[in-house]
């Protein structure tokens, strides 16, 4: 995947509101964040959240730590930068 393809993928990903809400939930949480918590918070299926997490991880926006079943989600510096830009667009 070239640089132009990566930019297109990010743009295509954020044309939907759930990816933004996923980043927002991770960014604003004061406690460890898990996929199940996010799926309940933003009213989205667990399977869709897991798919988004995998995509965002491949794009370098989210990383995670922990075991296979309980992964704590974190924004990477790139993820924080993108969330900040999207947040500013929203307001």
PDB file of N, CA and C in Angstrom:
ATOM      1  N   UNK A   1       0.856  -1.182   0.000  1.00  0.00           N
ATOM      2  CA  UNK A   1       0.000   0.000   0.000  1.00  0.00           C
ATOM      3  C   UNK A   1       0.898   1.240   0.000  1.00  0.00           C
ATOM      4  N   UNK A   2       0.755   2.089  -0.997  1.00  0.00           N
ATOM      5  CA  UNK A   2       1.544   3.304  -1.091  1.00  0.00           C
ATOM      6  C   UNK A   2       0.986   4.409  -0.218  1.00  0.00           C
ATOM      7  N   UNK A   3       1.700   5.517  -0.138  1.00  0.00           N
ATOM      8  CA  UNK A   3       1.279   6.641   0.695  1.00  0.00           C
ATOM      9  C   UNK A   3      -0.069   7.190   0.246  1.00  0.00           C
ATOM     10  N   UNK A   4      -0.271   7.328  -1.055  1.00  0.00           N
ATOM     11  CA  UNK A   4      -1.554   7.832  -1.552  1.00  0.00           C
ATOM     12  C   UNK A   4      -2.699   6.887  -1.201  1.00  0.00           C
ATOM     13  N   UNK A   5      -2.442   5.582  -1.299  1.00  0.00           N
ATOM     14  CA  UNK A   5      -3.466   4.598  -0.933  1.00  0.00           C
ATOM     15  C   UNK A   5      -3.804   4.705   0.547  1.00  0.00           C
ATOM     16  N   UNK A   6      -2.798   4.942   1.391  1.00  0.00           N
ATOM     17  CA  UNK A   6      -3.024   5.072   2.833  1.00  0.00           C
ATOM     18  C   UNK A   6      -3.901   6.274   3.135  1.00  0.00           C
ATOM     19  N   UNK A   7      -3.645   7.396   2.483  1.00  0.00           N
ATOM     20  CA  UNK A   7      -4.456   8.594   2.699  1.00  0.00           C
ATOM     21  C   UNK A   7      -5.898   8.364   2.257  1.00  0.00           C
ATOM     22  N   UNK A   8      -6.074   7.671   1.142  1.00  0.00           N
ATOM     23  CA  UNK A   8      -7.424   7.366   0.669  1.00  0.00           C
ATOM     24  C   UNK A   8      -8.145   6.460   1.652  1.00  0.00           C
ATOM     25  N   UNK A   9      -7.429   5.496   2.229  1.00  0.00           N
ATOM     26  CA  UNK A   9      -8.037   4.582   3.187  1.00  0.00           C
ATOM     27  C   UNK A   9      -8.487   5.320   4.436  1.00  0.00           C
ATOM     28  N   UNK A  10      -7.675   6.235   4.920  1.00  0.00           N
ATOM     29  CA  UNK A  10      -8.042   7.010   6.105  1.00  0.00           C
ATOM     30  C   UNK A  10      -9.251   7.880   5.805  1.00  0.00           C
ATOM     31  N   UNK A  11      -9.255   8.532   4.659  1.00  0.00           N
ATOM     32  CA  UNK A  11     -10.387   9.385   4.293  1.00  0.00           C
ATOM     33  C   UNK A  11     -11.662   8.547   4.177  1.00  0.00           C
ATOM     34  N   UNK A  12     -11.573   7.392   3.532  1.00  0.00           N
ATOM     35  CA  UNK A  12     -12.741   6.527   3.371  1.00  0.00           C
ATOM     36  C   UNK A  12     -13.239   6.037   4.723  1.00  0.00           C
ATOM     37  N   UNK A  13     -12.318   5.712   5.610  1.00  0.00           N
ATOM     38  CA  UNK A  13     -12.679   5.226   6.935  1.00  0.00           C
ATOM     39  C   UNK A  13     -13.471   6.267   7.723  1.00  0.00           C
ATOM     40  N   UNK A  14     -13.084   7.522   7.665  1.00  0.00           N
ATOM     41  CA  UNK A  14     -13.708   8.546   8.495  1.00  0.00           C
ATOM     42  C   UNK A  14     -14.898   9.237   7.840  1.00  0.00           C
ATOM     43  N   UNK A  15     -15.386   8.710   6.740  1.00  0.00           N
ATOM     44  CA  UNK A  15     -16.625   9.221   6.174  1.00  0.00           C
ATOM     45  C   UNK A  15     -17.827   8.726   6.972  1.00  0.00           C
ATOM     46  N   UNK A  16     -17.592   7.847   7.934  1.00  0.00           N
ATOM     47  CA  UNK A  16     -18.643   7.299   8.793  1.00  0.00           C
ATOM     48  C   UNK A  16     -18.458   7.827  10.209  1.00  0.00           C
ATOM     49  N   UNK A  17     -19.537   7.896  10.993  1.00  0.00           N
ATOM     50  CA  UNK A  17     -19.440   8.473  12.334  1.00  0.00           C
ATOM     51  C   UNK A  17     -18.900   7.508  13.379  1.00  0.00           C
ATOM     52  N   UNK A  18     -19.093   6.215  13.231  1.00  0.00           N
ATOM     53  CA  UNK A  18     -18.645   5.258  14.248  1.00  0.00           C
ATOM     54  C   UNK A  18     -17.125   5.259  14.434  1.00  0.00           C
ATOM     55  N   UNK A  19     -16.319   5.346  13.376  1.00  0.00           N
ATOM     56  CA  UNK A  19     -14.870   5.414  13.603  1.00  0.00           C
ATOM     57  C   UNK A  19     -14.468   6.641  14.441  1.00  0.00           C
ATOM     58  N   UNK A  20     -15.105   7.778  14.179  1.00  0.00           N
ATOM     59  CA  UNK A  20     -14.812   8.972  14.978  1.00  0.00           C
ATOM     60  C   UNK A  20     -15.224   8.746  16.430  1.00  0.00           C
ATOM     61  N   UNK A  21     -16.400   8.164  16.631  1.00  0.00           N
ATOM     62  CA  UNK A  21     -16.874   7.907  17.984  1.00  0.00           C
ATOM     63  C   UNK A  21     -15.970   6.910  18.713  1.00  0.00           C
ATOM     64  N   UNK A  22     -15.396   5.971  17.983  1.00  0.00           N
ATOM     65  CA  UNK A  22     -14.443   5.032  18.566  1.00  0.00           C
ATOM     66  C   UNK A  22     -13.210   5.772  19.077  1.00  0.00           C
ATOM     67  N   UNK A  23     -12.643   6.630  18.239  1.00  0.00           N
ATOM     68  CA  UNK A  23     -11.483   7.422  18.665  1.00  0.00           C
ATOM     69  C   UNK A  23     -11.836   8.314  19.848  1.00  0.00           C
ATOM     70  N   UNK A  24     -13.007   8.908  19.799  1.00  0.00           N
ATOM     71  CA  UNK A  24     -13.454   9.803  20.869  1.00  0.00           C
ATOM     72  C   UNK A  24     -13.589   9.045  22.191  1.00  0.00           C
ATOM     73  N   UNK A  25     -14.169   7.861  22.150  1.00  0.00           N
ATOM     74  CA  UNK A  25     -14.345   7.061  23.358  1.00  0.00           C
ATOM     75  C   UNK A  25     -13.004   6.704  23.986  1.00  0.00           C
ATOM     76  N   UNK A  26     -12.033   6.354  23.165  1.00  0.00           N
ATOM     77  CA  UNK A  26     -10.703   6.027  23.681  1.00  0.00           C
ATOM     78  C   UNK A  26     -10.038   7.272  24.238  1.00  0.00           C
ATOM     79  N   UNK A  27     -10.129   8.362  23.508  1.00  0.00           N
ATOM     80  CA  UNK A  27      -9.468   9.606  23.908  1.00  0.00           C
ATOM     81  C   UNK A  27     -10.015  10.170  25.210  1.00  0.00           C
ATOM     82  N   UNK A  28     -11.318  10.101  25.399  1.00  0.00           N
ATOM     83  CA  UNK A  28     -11.943  10.756  26.552  1.00  0.00           C
ATOM     84  C   UNK A  28     -12.027   9.874  27.797  1.00  0.00           C
ATOM     85  N   UNK A  29     -11.712   8.602  27.677  1.00  0.00           N
ATOM     86  CA  UNK A  29     -11.845   7.700  28.812  1.00  0.00           C
ATOM     87  C   UNK A  29     -10.748   7.946  29.849  1.00  0.00           C
ATOM     88  N   UNK A  30     -11.136   7.882  31.104  1.00  0.00           N
ATOM     89  CA  UNK A  30     -10.193   8.041  32.204  1.00  0.00           C
ATOM     90  C   UNK A  30      -9.825   6.685  32.817  1.00  0.00           C
ATOM     91  N   UNK A  31     -10.321   5.620  32.222  1.00  0.00           N
ATOM     92  CA  UNK A  31     -10.024   4.270  32.694  1.00  0.00           C
ATOM     93  C   UNK A  31      -9.629   3.419  31.489  1.00  0.00           C
ATOM     94  N   UNK A  32      -9.099   2.212  31.707  1.00  0.00           N
ATOM     95  CA  UNK A  32      -8.744   1.355  30.564  1.00  0.00           C
ATOM     96  C   UNK A  32      -9.951   1.116  29.656  1.00  0.00           C
ATOM     97  N   UNK A  33      -9.705   1.092  28.361  1.00  0.00           N
ATOM     98  CA  UNK A  33     -10.775   0.968  27.377  1.00  0.00           C
ATOM     99  C   UNK A  33     -10.681  -0.385  26.681  1.00  0.00           C
ATOM    100  N   UNK A  34     -11.824  -1.071  26.637  1.00  0.00           N
ATOM    101  CA  UNK A  34     -11.930  -2.368  25.973  1.00  0.00           C
ATOM    102  C   UNK A  34     -12.968  -2.276  24.858  1.00  0.00           C
ATOM    103  N   UNK A  35     -12.861  -3.168  23.883  1.00  0.00           N
ATOM    104  CA  UNK A  35     -13.788  -3.165  22.736  1.00  0.00           C
ATOM    105  C   UNK A  35     -15.234  -3.314  23.187  1.00  0.00           C
ATOM    106  N   UNK A  36     -15.494  -4.163  24.168  1.00  0.00           N
ATOM    107  CA  UNK A  36     -16.880  -4.354  24.624  1.00  0.00           C
ATOM    108  C   UNK A  36     -17.458  -3.073  25.204  1.00  0.00           C
ATOM    109  N   UNK A  37     -16.635  -2.323  25.928  1.00  0.00           N
ATOM    110  CA  UNK A  37     -17.092  -1.056  26.509  1.00  0.00           C
ATOM    111  C   UNK A  37     -17.470  -0.069  25.411  1.00  0.00           C
ATOM    112  N   UNK A  38     -16.637  -0.014  24.390  1.00  0.00           N
ATOM    113  CA  UNK A  38     -16.893   0.925  23.293  1.00  0.00           C
ATOM    114  C   UNK A  38     -18.151   0.530  22.529  1.00  0.00           C
ATOM    115  N   UNK A  39     -18.325  -0.753  22.274  1.00  0.00           N
ATOM    116  CA  UNK A  39     -19.508  -1.180  21.520  1.00  0.00           C
ATOM    117  C   UNK A  39     -20.797  -0.794  22.249  1.00  0.00           C
ATOM    118  N   UNK A  40     -20.795  -0.883  23.559  1.00  0.00           N
ATOM    119  CA  UNK A  40     -21.968  -0.475  24.336  1.00  0.00           C
ATOM    120  C   UNK A  40     -22.118   1.044  24.360  1.00  0.00           C
ATOM    121  N   UNK A  41     -21.001   1.738  24.523  1.00  0.00           N
ATOM    122  CA  UNK A  41     -21.042   3.196  24.642  1.00  0.00           C
ATOM    123  C   UNK A  41     -21.540   3.871  23.367  1.00  0.00           C
ATOM    124  N   UNK A  42     -21.112   3.384  22.214  1.00  0.00           N
ATOM    125  CA  UNK A  42     -21.498   4.048  20.966  1.00  0.00           C
ATOM    126  C   UNK A  42     -22.588   3.282  20.222  1.00  0.00           C
ATOM    127  N   UNK A  43     -23.189   2.303  20.897  1.00  0.00           N
ATOM    128  CA  UNK A  43     -24.319   1.540  20.356  1.00  0.00           C
ATOM    129  C   UNK A  43     -23.984   0.947  18.988  1.00  0.00           C
ATOM    130  N   UNK A  44     -23.002   0.071  19.010  1.00  0.00           N
ATOM    131  CA  UNK A  44     -22.509  -0.534  17.783  1.00  0.00           C
ATOM    132  C   UNK A  44     -22.180  -1.998  18.080  1.00  0.00           C
ATOM    133  N   UNK A  45     -22.264  -2.851  17.094  1.00  0.00           N
ATOM    134  CA  UNK A  45     -21.982  -4.261  17.350  1.00  0.00           C
ATOM    135  C   UNK A  45     -20.514  -4.479  17.700  1.00  0.00           C
ATOM    136  N   UNK A  46     -20.286  -5.466  18.539  1.00  0.00           N
ATOM    137  CA  UNK A  46     -18.926  -5.809  18.949  1.00  0.00           C
ATOM    138  C   UNK A  46     -18.089  -6.204  17.732  1.00  0.00           C
ATOM    139  N   UNK A  47     -18.672  -6.970  16.820  1.00  0.00           N
ATOM    140  CA  UNK A  47     -17.943  -7.414  15.630  1.00  0.00           C
ATOM    141  C   UNK A  47     -17.471  -6.229  14.781  1.00  0.00           C
ATOM    142  N   UNK A  48     -18.320  -5.221  14.641  1.00  0.00           N
ATOM    143  CA  UNK A  48     -17.942  -4.040  13.856  1.00  0.00           C
ATOM    144  C   UNK A  48     -16.822  -3.261  14.552  1.00  0.00           C
ATOM    145  N   UNK A  49     -16.907  -3.145  15.869  1.00  0.00           N
ATOM    146  CA  UNK A  49     -15.859  -2.447  16.623  1.00  0.00           C
ATOM    147  C   UNK A  49     -14.525  -3.170  16.469  1.00  0.00           C
ATOM    148  N   UNK A  50     -14.534  -4.491  16.566  1.00  0.00           N
ATOM    149  CA  UNK A  50     -13.301  -5.266  16.412  1.00  0.00           C
ATOM    150  C   UNK A  50     -12.723  -5.061  15.013  1.00  0.00           C
ATOM    151  N   UNK A  51     -13.587  -5.043  14.001  1.00  0.00           N
ATOM    152  CA  UNK A  51     -13.117  -4.796  12.631  1.00  0.00           C
ATOM    153  C   UNK A  51     -12.491  -3.410  12.508  1.00  0.00           C
ATOM    154  N   UNK A  52     -13.135  -2.390  13.093  1.00  0.00           N
ATOM    155  CA  UNK A  52     -12.577  -1.035  13.061  1.00  0.00           C
ATOM    156  C   UNK A  52     -11.229  -0.977  13.780  1.00  0.00           C
ATOM    157  N   UNK A  53     -11.137  -1.642  14.923  1.00  0.00           N
ATOM    158  CA  UNK A  53      -9.894  -1.654  15.688  1.00  0.00           C
ATOM    159  C   UNK A  53      -8.766  -2.265  14.853  1.00  0.00           C
ATOM    160  N   UNK A  54      -9.040  -3.361  14.159  1.00  0.00           N
ATOM    161  CA  UNK A  54      -8.025  -3.994  13.316  1.00  0.00           C
ATOM    162  C   UNK A  54      -7.573  -3.059  12.199  1.00  0.00           C
ATOM    163  N   UNK A  55      -8.532  -2.389  11.560  1.00  0.00           N
ATOM    164  CA  UNK A  55      -8.196  -1.451  10.486  1.00  0.00           C
ATOM    165  C   UNK A  55      -7.364  -0.293  11.039  1.00  0.00           C
ATOM    166  N   UNK A  56      -7.808   0.273  12.155  1.00  0.00           N
ATOM    167  CA  UNK A  56      -7.097   1.413  12.737  1.00  0.00           C
ATOM    168  C   UNK A  56      -5.723   1.010  13.242  1.00  0.00           C
ATOM    169  N   UNK A  57      -5.589  -0.213  13.703  1.00  0.00           N
ATOM    170  CA  UNK A  57      -4.280  -0.704  14.139  1.00  0.00           C
ATOM    171  C   UNK A  57      -3.336  -0.808  12.943  1.00  0.00           C
ATOM    172  N   UNK A  58      -3.818  -1.329  11.827  1.00  0.00           N
ATOM    173  CA  UNK A  58      -2.998  -1.441  10.614  1.00  0.00           C
ATOM    174  C   UNK A  58      -2.590  -0.068  10.090  1.00  0.00           C
ATOM    175  N   UNK A  59      -3.463   0.932  10.293  1.00  0.00           N
ATOM    176  CA  UNK A  59      -3.161   2.295   9.848  1.00  0.00           C
ATOM    177  C   UNK A  59      -2.304   3.056  10.860  1.00  0.00           C
ATOM    178  N   UNK A  60      -2.023   2.435  11.997  1.00  0.00           N
ATOM    179  CA  UNK A  60      -1.172   3.065  13.007  1.00  0.00           C
ATOM    180  C   UNK A  60      -1.890   4.080  13.875  1.00  0.00           C
ATOM    181  N   UNK A  61      -3.217   3.957  14.014  1.00  0.00           N
ATOM    182  CA  UNK A  61      -3.991   4.913  14.805  1.00  0.00           C
ATOM    183  C   UNK A  61      -4.262   4.415  16.221  1.00  0.00           C
ATOM    184  N   UNK A  62      -4.340   3.106  16.378  1.00  0.00           N
ATOM    185  CA  UNK A  62      -4.647   2.490  17.665  1.00  0.00           C
ATOM    186  C   UNK A  62      -3.642   1.378  17.916  1.00  0.00           C
ATOM    187  N   UNK A  63      -3.214   1.259  19.163  1.00  0.00           N
ATOM    188  CA  UNK A  63      -2.467   0.074  19.555  1.00  0.00           C
ATOM    189  C   UNK A  63      -3.163  -0.520  20.771  1.00  0.00           C
ATOM    190  N   UNK A  64      -2.792  -1.727  21.112  1.00  0.00           N
ATOM    191  CA  UNK A  64      -3.438  -2.366  22.243  1.00  0.00           C
ATOM    192  C   UNK A  64      -2.441  -3.221  22.991  1.00  0.00           C
ATOM    193  N   UNK A  65      -2.769  -3.465  24.255  1.00  0.00           N
ATOM    194  CA  UNK A  65      -1.937  -4.283  25.112  1.00  0.00           C
ATOM    195  C   UNK A  65      -2.846  -5.227  25.893  1.00  0.00           C
ATOM    196  N   UNK A  66      -2.295  -6.349  26.295  1.00  0.00           N
ATOM    197  CA  UNK A  66      -3.072  -7.302  27.076  1.00  0.00           C
ATOM    198  C   UNK A  66      -3.223  -8.629  26.374  1.00  0.00           C
ATOM    199  N   UNK A  67      -4.028  -9.506  26.958  1.00  0.00           N
ATOM    200  CA  UNK A  67      -4.233 -10.850  26.428  1.00  0.00           C
ATOM    201  C   UNK A  67      -5.158 -10.817  25.216  1.00  0.00           C
ATOM    202  N   UNK A  68      -5.366 -11.983  24.640  1.00  0.00           N
ATOM    203  CA  UNK A  68      -6.213 -12.082  23.442  1.00  0.00           C
ATOM    204  C   UNK A  68      -7.644 -11.627  23.682  1.00  0.00           C
ATOM    205  N   UNK A  69      -8.177 -11.896  24.869  1.00  0.00           N
ATOM    206  CA  UNK A  69      -9.580 -11.590  25.127  1.00  0.00           C
ATOM    207  C   UNK A  69      -9.801 -10.235  25.779  1.00  0.00           C
ATOM    208  N   UNK A  70      -8.803  -9.707  26.442  1.00  0.00           N
ATOM    209  CA  UNK A  70      -8.949  -8.409  27.118  1.00  0.00           C
ATOM    210  C   UNK A  70      -7.818  -7.498  26.673  1.00  0.00           C
ATOM    211  N   UNK A  71      -8.047  -6.784  25.604  1.00  0.00           N
ATOM    212  CA  UNK A  71      -7.038  -5.865  25.081  1.00  0.00           C
ATOM    213  C   UNK A  71      -7.413  -4.443  25.465  1.00  0.00           C
ATOM    214  N   UNK A  72      -6.482  -3.765  26.111  1.00  0.00           N
ATOM    215  CA  UNK A  72      -6.678  -2.356  26.455  1.00  0.00           C
ATOM    216  C   UNK A  72      -6.277  -1.538  25.231  1.00  0.00           C
ATOM    217  N   UNK A  73      -7.186  -0.671  24.791  1.00  0.00           N
ATOM    218  CA  UNK A  73      -6.968   0.132  23.584  1.00  0.00           C
ATOM    219  C   UNK A  73      -6.367   1.484  23.930  1.00  0.00           C
ATOM    220  N   UNK A  74      -5.442   1.930  23.104  1.00  0.00           N
ATOM    221  CA  UNK A  74      -4.816   3.250  23.257  1.00  0.00           C
ATOM    222  C   UNK A  74      -4.682   3.903  21.895  1.00  0.00           C
ATOM    223  N   UNK A  75      -4.757   5.220  21.877  1.00  0.00           N
ATOM    224  CA  UNK A  75      -4.474   5.946  20.644  1.00  0.00           C
ATOM    225  C   UNK A  75      -2.970   6.122  20.508  1.00  0.00           C
ATOM    226  N   UNK A  76      -2.473   5.960  19.309  1.00  0.00           N
ATOM    227  CA  UNK A  76      -1.071   6.249  19.028  1.00  0.00           C
ATOM    228  C   UNK A  76      -0.946   7.764  18.844  1.00  0.00           C
ATOM    229  N   UNK A  77       0.274   8.285  18.783  1.00  0.00           N
ATOM    230  CA  UNK A  77       0.412   9.718  18.487  1.00  0.00           C
ATOM    231  C   UNK A  77      -0.295  10.115  17.187  1.00  0.00           C
ATOM    232  N   UNK A  78      -0.212   9.264  16.177  1.00  0.00           N
ATOM    233  CA  UNK A  78      -0.901   9.536  14.909  1.00  0.00           C
ATOM    234  C   UNK A  78      -2.416   9.539  15.118  1.00  0.00           C
ATOM    235  N   UNK A  79      -2.926   8.592  15.916  1.00  0.00           N
ATOM    236  CA  UNK A  79      -4.350   8.528  16.214  1.00  0.00           C
ATOM    237  C   UNK A  79      -4.830   9.753  16.968  1.00  0.00           C
ATOM    238  N   UNK A  80      -4.013  10.229  17.919  1.00  0.00           N
ATOM    239  CA  UNK A  80      -4.364  11.441  18.677  1.00  0.00           C
ATOM    240  C   UNK A  80      -4.418  12.653  17.760  1.00  0.00           C
ATOM    241  N   UNK A  81      -3.478  12.707  16.836  1.00  0.00           N
ATOM    242  CA  UNK A  81      -3.428  13.832  15.897  1.00  0.00           C
ATOM    243  C   UNK A  81      -4.671  13.843  14.997  1.00  0.00           C
ATOM    244  N   UNK A  82      -5.042  12.688  14.498  1.00  0.00           N
ATOM    245  CA  UNK A  82      -6.225  12.597  13.632  1.00  0.00           C
ATOM    246  C   UNK A  82      -7.485  12.897  14.423  1.00  0.00           C
ATOM    247  N   UNK A  83      -7.589  12.359  15.643  1.00  0.00           N
ATOM    248  CA  UNK A  83      -8.763  12.646  16.467  1.00  0.00           C
ATOM    249  C   UNK A  83      -8.871  14.143  16.733  1.00  0.00           C
ATOM    250  N   UNK A  84      -7.762  14.774  17.062  1.00  0.00           N
ATOM    251  CA  UNK A  84      -7.772  16.218  17.354  1.00  0.00           C
ATOM    252  C   UNK A  84      -8.270  17.000  16.135  1.00  0.00           C
ATOM    253  N   UNK A  85      -7.778  16.654  14.959  1.00  0.00           N
ATOM    254  CA  UNK A  85      -8.203  17.343  13.733  1.00  0.00           C
ATOM    255  C   UNK A  85      -9.697  17.144  13.468  1.00  0.00           C
ATOM    256  N   UNK A  86     -10.168  15.915  13.644  1.00  0.00           N
ATOM    257  CA  UNK A  86     -11.598  15.633  13.433  1.00  0.00           C
ATOM    258  C   UNK A  86     -12.462  16.314  14.481  1.00  0.00           C
ATOM    259  N   UNK A  87     -11.978  16.334  15.714  1.00  0.00           N
ATOM    260  CA  UNK A  87     -12.707  16.990  16.796  1.00  0.00           C
ATOM    261  C   UNK A  87     -12.858  18.482  16.515  1.00  0.00           C
ATOM    262  N   UNK A  88     -11.792  19.103  16.026  1.00  0.00           N
ATOM    263  CA  UNK A  88     -11.841  20.532  15.696  1.00  0.00           C
ATOM    264  C   UNK A  88     -12.810  20.789  14.539  1.00  0.00           C
ATOM    265  N   UNK A  89     -12.910  19.865  13.593  1.00  0.00           N
ATOM    266  CA  UNK A  89     -13.857  20.018  12.503  1.00  0.00           C
ATOM    267  C   UNK A  89     -15.297  19.932  13.009  1.00  0.00           C
ATOM    268  N   UNK A  90     -15.510  19.096  14.016  1.00  0.00           N
ATOM    269  CA  UNK A  90     -16.851  18.902  14.569  1.00  0.00           C
ATOM    270  C   UNK A  90     -17.337  20.152  15.293  1.00  0.00           C
ATOM    271  N   UNK A  91     -16.432  20.917  15.879  1.00  0.00           N
ATOM    272  CA  UNK A  91     -16.818  22.083  16.687  1.00  0.00           C
ATOM    273  C   UNK A  91     -16.556  23.373  15.990  1.00  0.00           C
TER     274      UNK A  91
END
